[in-house]
C-alpha atoms as a PDB file:
ATOM      1  CA  MET A   1      -1.799  49.304 -37.878  1.00  0.00           C
ATOM      2  CA  THR A   2       0.776  51.876 -36.860  1.00  0.00           C
ATOM      3  CA  ILE A   3       1.843  53.389 -33.565  1.00  0.00           C
ATOM      4  CA  ILE A   4       3.039  56.959 -34.032  1.00  0.00           C
ATOM      5  CA  VAL A   5       5.472  58.404 -31.488  1.00  0.00           C
ATOM      6  CA  ASN A   6       4.999  62.130 -30.953  1.00  0.00           C
ATOM      7  CA  LEU A   7       8.100  62.622 -28.829  1.00  0.00           C
ATOM      8  CA  ASP A   8       9.392  65.400 -31.071  1.00  0.00           C
ATOM      9  CA  VAL A   9       6.080  67.278 -30.762  1.00  0.00           C
ATOM     10  CA  MET A  10       6.109  67.135 -26.955  1.00  0.00           C
ATOM     11  CA  MET A  11       9.771  68.120 -26.823  1.00  0.00           C
ATOM     12  CA  ALA A  12       9.038  71.148 -29.009  1.00  0.00           C
ATOM     13  CA  LYS A  13       6.061  72.132 -26.829  1.00  0.00           C
ATOM     14  CA  ARG A  14       8.279  71.953 -23.742  1.00  0.00           C
ATOM     15  CA  LYS A  15      11.210  73.596 -25.549  1.00  0.00           C
ATOM     16  CA  MET A  16      13.472  70.722 -24.560  1.00  0.00           C
ATOM     17  CA  SER A  17      16.365  69.398 -26.603  1.00  0.00           C
ATOM     18  CA  LEU A  18      17.186  65.728 -27.069  1.00  0.00           C
ATOM     19  CA  ASN A  19      20.365  66.258 -25.030  1.00  0.00           C
ATOM     20  CA  GLU A  20      18.424  67.787 -22.143  1.00  0.00           C
ATOM     21  CA  LEU A  21      15.835  65.000 -22.184  1.00  0.00           C
ATOM     22  CA  SER A  22      18.602  62.413 -22.300  1.00  0.00           C
ATOM     23  CA  GLU A  23      20.172  63.879 -19.171  1.00  0.00           C
ATOM     24  CA  LYS A  24      16.842  64.061 -17.321  1.00  0.00           C
ATOM     25  CA  VAL A  25      15.746  60.493 -18.026  1.00  0.00           C
ATOM     26  CA  GLY A  26      19.147  58.786 -18.094  1.00  0.00           C
ATOM     27  CA  LEU A  27      18.783  57.295 -21.571  1.00  0.00           C
ATOM     28  CA  THR A  28      21.321  57.440 -24.359  1.00  0.00           C
ATOM     29  CA  LEU A  29      20.878  59.847 -27.236  1.00  0.00           C
ATOM     30  CA  ALA A  30      20.788  56.860 -29.595  1.00  0.00           C
ATOM     31  CA  ASN A  31      17.822  55.259 -27.814  1.00  0.00           C
ATOM     32  CA  LEU A  32      15.909  58.524 -27.573  1.00  0.00           C
ATOM     33  CA  SER A  33      16.645  59.224 -31.228  1.00  0.00           C
ATOM     34  CA  LYS A  34      15.127  55.853 -32.198  1.00  0.00           C
ATOM     35  CA  LEU A  35      11.988  56.737 -30.253  1.00  0.00           C
ATOM     36  CA  LYS A  36      11.849  60.229 -31.729  1.00  0.00           C
ATOM     37  CA  THR A  37      12.136  58.979 -35.304  1.00  0.00           C
ATOM     38  CA  GLY A  38       9.668  56.134 -34.785  1.00  0.00           C
ATOM     39  CA  LYS A  39      12.267  53.428 -35.429  1.00  0.00           C
ATOM     40  CA  ALA A  40      11.912  51.819 -31.985  1.00  0.00           C
ATOM     41  CA  LYS A  41      10.175  48.441 -31.914  1.00  0.00           C
ATOM     42  CA  ALA A  42       9.160  48.658 -28.245  1.00  0.00           C
ATOM     43  CA  ILE A  43       9.274  50.872 -25.165  1.00  0.00           C
ATOM     44  CA  ARG A  44       9.333  49.811 -21.540  1.00  0.00           C
ATOM     45  CA  PHE A  45       6.714  51.241 -19.228  1.00  0.00           C
ATOM     46  CA  SER A  46       9.496  52.429 -16.920  1.00  0.00           C
ATOM     47  CA  THR A  47      11.052  54.370 -19.820  1.00  0.00           C
ATOM     48  CA  LEU A  48       7.680  55.803 -20.789  1.00  0.00           C
ATOM     49  CA  GLN A  49       7.157  56.892 -17.198  1.00  0.00           C
ATOM     50  CA  LEU A  50      10.538  58.652 -17.069  1.00  0.00           C
ATOM     51  CA  ILE A  51       9.828  60.495 -20.312  1.00  0.00           C
ATOM     52  CA  CYS A  52       6.341  61.503 -19.156  1.00  0.00           C
ATOM     53  CA  ASP A  53       7.786  62.786 -15.869  1.00  0.00           C
ATOM     54  CA  ALA A  54      10.474  64.799 -17.662  1.00  0.00           C
ATOM     55  CA  LEU A  55       8.032  66.271 -20.211  1.00  0.00           C
ATOM     56  CA  ASP A  56       5.138  66.627 -17.756  1.00  0.00           C
ATOM     57  CA  CYS A  57       2.753  64.778 -20.056  1.00  0.00           C
ATOM     58  CA  GLN A  58       0.603  61.657 -20.345  1.00  0.00           C
ATOM     59  CA  PRO A  59       1.463  58.521 -22.368  1.00  0.00           C
ATOM     60  CA  GLY A  60      -1.348  59.432 -24.760  1.00  0.00           C
ATOM     61  CA  ASP A  61       0.472  62.679 -25.550  1.00  0.00           C
ATOM     62  CA  LEU A  62       3.430  60.650 -26.796  1.00  0.00           C
ATOM     63  CA  LEU A  63       1.772  57.660 -28.459  1.00  0.00           C
ATOM     64  CA  GLU A  64      -0.924  57.623 -31.140  1.00  0.00           C
ATOM     65  CA  TYR A  65      -2.601  54.713 -32.898  1.00  0.00           C
ATOM     66  CA  SER A  66      -3.395  54.967 -36.595  1.00  0.00           C
ATOM     67  CA  LYS A  67      -5.166  52.438 -38.796  1.00  0.00           C
ATOM     68  CA  ASP A  68      -3.404  52.231 -42.140  1.00  0.00           C
END
């Protein structure tokens, strides 16, 4: 079971850099980088909400479930 984070895909669709997203949501580049690379172990709903607001997307656009 794997959760895939498609943050990089949504950022590319919105033509937004990691720096710009970091400024909009108030998260560090390090934390956003962990999410972007799929190395994060968890995400708070409040963080997910901020990212969705900044990227004008739904949680399902960012997160994908895959059976291994």
